[in-house]
Amino acid sequence: MDLLWPIKWLIELILVSFHTLFSSIGFSFDSGGAWVLAIVGLVLVVRAALIPVFVRQIKSQRNMMMVQPELAKLQKKYKGKTDRESRERFAKEQMALYKATGSNPLSSCLPLLLQMPIFISLFYVLNGAQRNEAGVGVLNADLAQSFSQAKLFGATLSDTFFGSDDLNVKVIAAIMIVLMSSSQFITQKQIMAKNQNPDTQNSQFMRTQKIMLYTLPAVFLFSGLTFPLGVMTYWLVSNFWTMGQQFIVIRNMPTPGSPAYKARQERLVRRGKLPKIETTPAIEEETPELEARQRNQPVSKNRSKKKKKK
């Protein structure tokens, strides 16, 4: 039994629907442009459906950052204790801490993990189309043949970097791989540079983020060499969506205490949406006046008599 059958059927339905739409507004039925735009439409549908998951991911990540000081205390408490009982207590208290704050260490990977069945299903759909095989749903033999022959800048969408000797395929695949890896790196880098509280810089959470900074682009690099151009088109557009989505979140909903949060507060002050808080300058201005008052205070009668006796 094919467990991915429902996902394949849904992917074919979305692809064919968008392909029919673009073919009806001027694109050639067999053109690569119509099929590429159909894949872009698939990205928009899938990523829009994942917005609730993304919101939950953001909340969980913030909770993870907030819990880092308590987690550091817990690690310090059990530092050097390697016996089984201590390890079990540490794990139990750690899970209780995560549960109490609603945080999840794997939250940042959740959207990518949820998209993996879609990537795999799309891979099988495109591989079948490459061999002129009809899909499990609305992707019939004629549509499969149309896709298998569709070209983008002279490169067939069903070809792969290693599976084709065509120079156009290799050049376009290489460009897409570089764009996929760099967009993932930029997305992760802006999260670490702009949207992290300085208090969590040496935490386990940040160490995990640093590992992901280089691991995920490497995954895109090596997997892109074996994926058809159609699958890489989906992945590339999805990465651009993620990059734009993170930019909007960092700008409008930054983590408290992060550089992005301070920049947002300054913008709100300039726009008059937040009152300008003056702390240090006000104190500095009042200090000389206070000293002048103390110097000019009238001397009490008792103190003046003592001075005369002396």
Protein backbone atom coordinates (compact mmCIF):
# COMPACT_ATOMS: atom_id res chain seq x y z
CA MET A 1 0.00 0.00 0.00
CA ASP A 2 1.33 3.41 -1.03
CA LEU A 3 1.14 5.64 2.08
CA LEU A 4 1.92 8.73 -0.02
CA TRP A 5 -0.98 8.11 -2.42
CA PRO A 6 -3.23 10.86 -0.94
CA ILE A 7 -0.41 13.41 -1.07
CA LYS A 8 0.48 12.45 -4.64
CA TRP A 9 -3.17 12.76 -5.67
CA LEU A 10 -3.42 16.20 -4.05
CA ILE A 11 -0.14 17.39 -5.63
CA GLU A 12 -1.33 16.29 -9.06
CA LEU A 13 -4.65 18.07 -8.55
CA ILE A 14 -2.96 21.36 -7.59
CA LEU A 15 -0.37 21.10 -10.37
CA VAL A 16 -2.91 20.31 -13.07
CA SER A 17 -5.29 23.01 -11.82
CA PHE A 18 -2.64 25.73 -11.98
CA HIS A 19 -1.33 24.40 -15.30
CA THR A 20 -4.84 24.58 -16.76
CA LEU A 21 -5.23 28.11 -15.41
CA PHE A 22 -1.99 29.41 -16.93
CA SER A 23 -2.60 27.57 -20.19
CA SER A 24 -5.98 29.30 -20.47
CA ILE A 25 -4.51 32.81 -20.09
CA GLY A 26 -1.96 32.66 -22.86
CA PHE A 27 0.79 30.16 -22.01
CA SER A 28 1.39 27.27 -24.37
CA PHE A 29 0.01 23.97 -23.07
CA ASP A 30 3.40 22.25 -23.36
CA SER A 31 5.54 25.24 -22.31
CA GLY A 32 7.91 25.07 -19.38
CA GLY A 33 6.61 28.44 -18.19
CA ALA A 34 3.13 27.04 -17.56
CA TRP A 35 4.52 24.10 -15.59
CA VAL A 36 6.98 26.24 -13.61
CA LEU A 37 4.19 28.64 -12.64
CA ALA A 38 2.08 25.62 -11.68
CA ILE A 39 4.88 24.52 -9.32
CA VAL A 40 5.03 28.07 -7.90
CA GLY A 41 1.28 27.87 -7.32
CA LEU A 42 1.80 24.58 -5.49
CA VAL A 43 4.36 26.31 -3.22
CA LEU A 44 1.94 29.12 -2.42
CA VAL A 45 -0.83 26.68 -1.51
CA VAL A 46 1.40 24.46 0.65
CA ARG A 47 3.17 27.31 2.48
CA ALA A 48 -0.09 29.16 3.09
CA ALA A 49 -1.49 25.96 4.64
CA LEU A 50 1.61 25.78 6.88
CA ILE A 51 1.26 29.32 8.27
CA PRO A 52 -0.44 28.07 11.50
CA VAL A 53 2.47 25.65 11.95
CA PHE A 54 4.94 28.49 11.40
CA VAL A 55 3.20 30.66 14.02
CA ARG A 56 3.38 27.78 16.50
CA GLN A 57 7.06 27.36 15.62
CA ILE A 58 7.78 31.04 16.37
CA LYS A 59 6.04 30.81 19.75
CA SER A 60 7.91 27.62 20.64
CA GLN A 61 11.26 29.13 19.65
CA ARG A 62 10.62 32.17 21.84
CA ASN A 63 9.70 29.91 24.72
CA MET A 64 12.93 28.01 24.15
CA MET A 65 14.94 31.23 24.39
CA MET A 66 13.09 32.31 27.53
CA VAL A 67 13.76 28.97 29.21
CA GLN A 68 17.51 29.01 28.50
CA PRO A 69 18.53 30.70 31.81
CA GLU A 70 16.56 28.10 33.81
CA LEU A 71 17.97 25.33 31.64
CA ALA A 72 21.50 26.61 32.28
CA LYS A 73 20.86 26.46 36.04
CA LEU A 74 19.59 22.91 35.67
CA GLN A 75 22.69 21.88 33.70
CA LYS A 76 24.92 23.48 36.31
CA LYS A 77 23.03 21.62 39.05
CA TYR A 78 23.79 18.24 37.48
CA LYS A 79 27.22 19.11 36.08
CA GLY A 80 29.70 16.28 36.68
CA LYS A 81 26.99 13.85 37.82
CA THR A 82 27.19 10.89 35.45
CA ASP A 83 25.36 8.25 37.45
CA ARG A 84 22.15 6.82 36.05
CA GLU A 85 19.90 8.26 38.73
CA SER A 86 21.22 11.81 38.17
CA ARG A 87 20.83 11.52 34.41
CA GLU A 88 17.24 10.34 34.81
CA ARG A 89 16.42 13.19 37.22
CA PHE A 90 18.02 15.71 34.86
CA ALA A 91 16.02 14.40 31.88
CA LYS A 92 12.82 14.41 33.92
CA GLU A 93 13.30 17.96 35.19
CA GLN A 94 14.30 19.13 31.71
CA MET A 95 11.14 17.69 30.14
CA ALA A 96 9.05 19.22 32.93
CA LEU A 97 10.65 22.59 32.19
CA TYR A 98 9.89 22.27 28.48
CA LYS A 99 6.31 21.26 29.24
CA ALA A 100 5.75 24.10 31.69
CA THR A 101 6.95 26.72 29.18
CA GLY A 102 5.37 25.13 26.11
CA SER A 103 8.72 24.89 24.30
CA ASN A 104 10.02 22.25 21.92
CA PRO A 105 13.70 21.84 20.93
CA LEU A 106 12.71 20.47 17.50
CA SER A 107 10.23 23.24 16.70
CA SER A 108 12.53 24.95 14.19
CA CYS A 109 12.61 21.76 12.08
CA LEU A 110 8.86 21.15 12.14
CA PRO A 111 7.85 23.02 8.93
CA LEU A 112 10.67 21.36 7.00
CA LEU A 113 9.73 17.91 8.34
CA LEU A 114 6.08 18.47 7.39
CA GLN A 115 7.12 19.36 3.86
CA MET A 116 9.30 16.28 3.40
CA PRO A 117 6.36 14.01 2.36
CA ILE A 118 5.45 16.67 -0.21
CA PHE A 119 9.02 16.76 -1.55
CA ILE A 120 9.11 12.97 -1.78
CA SER A 121 5.69 12.77 -3.43
CA LEU A 122 6.60 15.50 -5.89
CA PHE A 123 9.82 13.62 -6.67
CA TYR A 124 7.85 10.46 -7.51
CA VAL A 125 5.26 12.40 -9.54
CA LEU A 126 7.96 14.11 -11.62
CA ASN A 127 9.96 10.90 -12.04
CA GLY A 128 6.82 9.18 -13.32
CA ALA A 129 6.14 12.08 -15.68
CA GLN A 130 9.72 11.84 -16.93
CA ARG A 131 8.96 8.28 -18.07
CA ASN A 132 5.62 9.40 -19.58
CA GLU A 133 3.75 7.49 -16.86
CA ALA A 134 0.34 8.67 -15.74
CA GLY A 135 -0.04 9.63 -12.11
CA VAL A 136 -2.38 8.31 -9.45
CA GLY A 137 -4.96 11.04 -10.03
CA VAL A 138 -5.68 13.74 -12.60
CA LEU A 139 -2.18 13.68 -14.11
CA ASN A 140 -3.06 11.54 -17.14
CA ALA A 141 -0.70 10.24 -19.84
CA ASP A 142 -1.07 13.36 -22.03
CA LEU A 143 -0.24 15.71 -19.15
CA ALA A 144 2.67 13.49 -18.08
CA GLN A 145 4.07 13.63 -21.59
CA SER A 146 3.58 17.41 -21.67
CA PHE A 147 5.52 17.80 -18.45
CA SER A 148 8.31 15.41 -19.49
CA GLN A 149 8.91 17.49 -22.62
CA ALA A 150 8.53 20.93 -21.00
CA LYS A 151 11.70 23.02 -21.00
CA LEU A 152 12.92 26.00 -19.02
CA PHE A 153 15.73 27.95 -20.73
CA GLY A 154 16.44 24.88 -22.82
CA ALA A 155 16.56 22.47 -19.86
CA THR A 156 13.93 19.78 -19.34
CA LEU A 157 12.18 20.08 -15.94
CA SER A 158 12.39 16.34 -15.29
CA ASP A 159 16.19 16.19 -15.76
CA THR A 160 18.74 16.08 -12.93
CA PHE A 161 22.31 17.36 -12.62
CA PHE A 162 23.82 13.85 -12.67
CA GLY A 163 21.16 12.34 -14.92
CA SER A 164 21.74 14.55 -17.94
CA ASP A 165 24.67 15.38 -20.19
CA ASP A 166 23.01 18.58 -21.38
CA LEU A 167 25.09 21.62 -20.42
CA ASN A 168 21.95 23.76 -19.97
CA VAL A 169 20.64 21.31 -17.39
CA LYS A 170 23.89 21.33 -15.43
CA VAL A 171 24.21 25.13 -15.49
CA ILE A 172 20.60 25.76 -14.41
CA ALA A 173 20.79 23.01 -11.76
CA ALA A 174 24.05 24.46 -10.38
CA ILE A 175 22.54 27.97 -10.21
CA MET A 176 19.44 26.67 -8.43
CA ILE A 177 21.53 24.66 -5.95
CA VAL A 178 23.62 27.74 -5.09
CA LEU A 179 20.46 29.86 -4.68
CA MET A 180 18.81 27.20 -2.49
CA SER A 181 21.83 26.84 -0.22
CA SER A 182 22.53 30.58 0.05
CA SER A 183 18.89 31.49 0.73
CA GLN A 184 18.76 28.91 3.53
CA PHE A 185 22.04 30.23 4.97
CA ILE A 186 20.83 33.86 4.84
CA THR A 187 17.54 32.93 6.51
CA GLN A 188 19.25 31.12 9.37
CA LYS A 189 21.92 33.82 9.69
CA GLN A 190 19.43 36.66 10.06
CA ILE A 191 17.63 34.70 12.79
CA MET A 192 20.87 34.28 14.73
CA ALA A 193 22.23 37.79 14.15
CA LYS A 194 19.08 39.89 14.60
CA ASN A 195 16.48 37.88 16.48
CA GLN A 196 18.37 36.33 19.41
CA ASN A 197 18.58 37.61 22.95
CA PRO A 198 22.25 38.18 23.94
CA ASP A 199 21.64 36.21 27.16
CA THR A 200 21.16 33.02 25.10
CA GLN A 201 24.34 33.27 23.01
CA ASN A 202 26.11 30.43 24.85
CA SER A 203 23.05 28.24 25.36
CA GLN A 204 22.40 24.78 23.95
CA PHE A 205 19.65 26.27 21.79
CA MET A 206 22.13 28.62 20.11
CA ARG A 207 24.64 25.83 19.59
CA THR A 208 21.92 23.88 17.80
CA GLN A 209 21.11 26.92 15.66
CA LYS A 210 24.79 27.27 14.71
CA ILE A 211 24.90 23.63 13.63
CA MET A 212 21.78 24.14 11.50
CA LEU A 213 23.37 27.24 9.96
CA TYR A 214 25.80 25.03 8.04
CA THR A 215 24.00 21.67 8.04
CA LEU A 216 20.83 22.69 6.17
CA PRO A 217 22.66 24.43 3.27
CA ALA A 218 24.84 21.32 2.95
CA VAL A 219 21.70 19.17 2.73
CA PHE A 220 20.38 21.37 -0.09
CA LEU A 221 23.76 21.24 -1.82
CA PHE A 222 24.10 17.46 -1.98
CA SER A 223 20.42 16.57 -2.44
CA GLY A 224 20.05 19.12 -5.22
CA LEU A 225 22.50 17.18 -7.36
CA THR A 226 20.05 14.26 -7.60
CA PHE A 227 16.71 16.10 -7.69
CA PRO A 228 14.87 16.96 -10.94
CA LEU A 229 14.70 20.64 -11.87
CA GLY A 230 10.98 20.64 -11.14
CA VAL A 231 11.54 19.54 -7.53
CA MET A 232 14.34 22.08 -7.12
CA THR A 233 12.01 24.77 -8.44
CA TYR A 234 9.58 23.93 -5.65
CA TRP A 235 12.37 23.90 -3.06
CA LEU A 236 13.88 27.20 -4.28
CA VAL A 237 10.57 29.09 -4.27
CA SER A 238 9.78 27.61 -0.85
CA ASN A 239 13.14 28.89 0.47
CA PHE A 240 12.41 32.37 -0.87
CA TRP A 241 9.03 32.25 0.88
CA THR A 242 10.76 31.28 4.15
CA MET A 243 13.31 34.08 3.80
CA GLY A 244 10.62 36.71 3.22
CA GLN A 245 8.47 35.28 6.00
CA GLN A 246 11.33 35.43 8.49
CA PHE A 247 12.14 39.00 7.45
CA ILE A 248 8.56 40.08 8.19
CA VAL A 249 8.52 38.25 11.53
CA ILE A 250 11.89 39.64 12.64
CA ARG A 251 10.87 43.17 11.69
CA ASN A 252 7.38 43.14 13.20
CA MET A 253 7.48 40.46 15.92
CA PRO A 254 11.09 40.29 17.15
CA THR A 255 12.27 38.42 20.20
CA PRO A 256 12.34 40.68 23.30
CA GLY A 257 15.89 41.82 24.07
CA SER A 258 17.21 41.07 20.57
CA PRO A 259 18.82 43.68 18.27
CA ALA A 260 15.72 43.49 16.04
CA TYR A 261 13.52 44.23 19.07
CA LYS A 262 15.57 47.32 19.96
CA ALA A 263 15.45 48.51 16.34
CA ARG A 264 11.66 48.09 16.30
CA GLN A 265 11.28 50.04 19.55
CA GLU A 266 13.35 52.87 18.06
CA ARG A 267 11.17 52.90 14.94
CA LEU A 268 8.02 53.08 17.05
CA VAL A 269 9.47 55.96 19.07
CA ARG A 270 10.33 57.89 15.89
CA ARG A 271 6.78 57.37 14.61
CA GLY A 272 5.33 58.57 17.89
CA LYS A 273 3.70 55.23 18.68
CA LEU A 274 5.81 54.79 21.82
CA PRO A 275 6.75 57.45 24.38
CA LYS A 276 10.41 58.39 24.40
CA ILE A 277 11.95 57.19 27.65
CA GLU A 278 14.74 59.42 28.92
CA THR A 279 16.60 57.94 31.85
CA THR A 280 20.30 58.75 31.98
CA PRO A 281 20.14 62.27 30.42
CA ALA A 282 17.44 63.33 32.88
CA ILE A 283 19.54 62.22 35.82
CA GLU A 284 22.58 64.01 34.46
CA GLU A 285 20.61 67.24 34.06
CA GLU A 286 19.17 67.12 37.57
CA THR A 287 22.47 66.35 39.33
CA PRO A 288 24.10 69.82 38.93
CA GLU A 289 20.88 71.53 40.10
CA LEU A 290 20.75 69.27 43.16
CA GLU A 291 24.37 70.05 44.01
CA ALA A 292 23.71 73.80 43.65
CA ARG A 293 20.73 73.57 45.98
CA GLN A 294 22.79 71.71 48.57
CA ARG A 295 25.50 74.41 48.43
CA ASN A 296 22.98 77.23 48.79
CA GLN A 297 21.00 75.67 51.66
CA PRO A 298 20.66 78.08 54.68
CA VAL A 299 22.76 77.16 57.66
CA SER A 300 20.76 76.22 60.77
CA LYS A 301 20.98 78.37 63.96
CA ASN A 302 22.75 75.65 65.97
CA ARG A 303 25.42 75.19 63.33
CA SER A 304 25.98 78.99 63.09
CA LYS A 305 26.39 79.32 66.91
CA LYS A 306 28.97 76.51 66.93
CA LYS A 307 30.92 78.29 64.23
CA LYS A 308 30.89 81.60 66.22
CA LYS A 309 32.16 79.86 69.40
CA LYS A 310 35.06 78.39 67.42
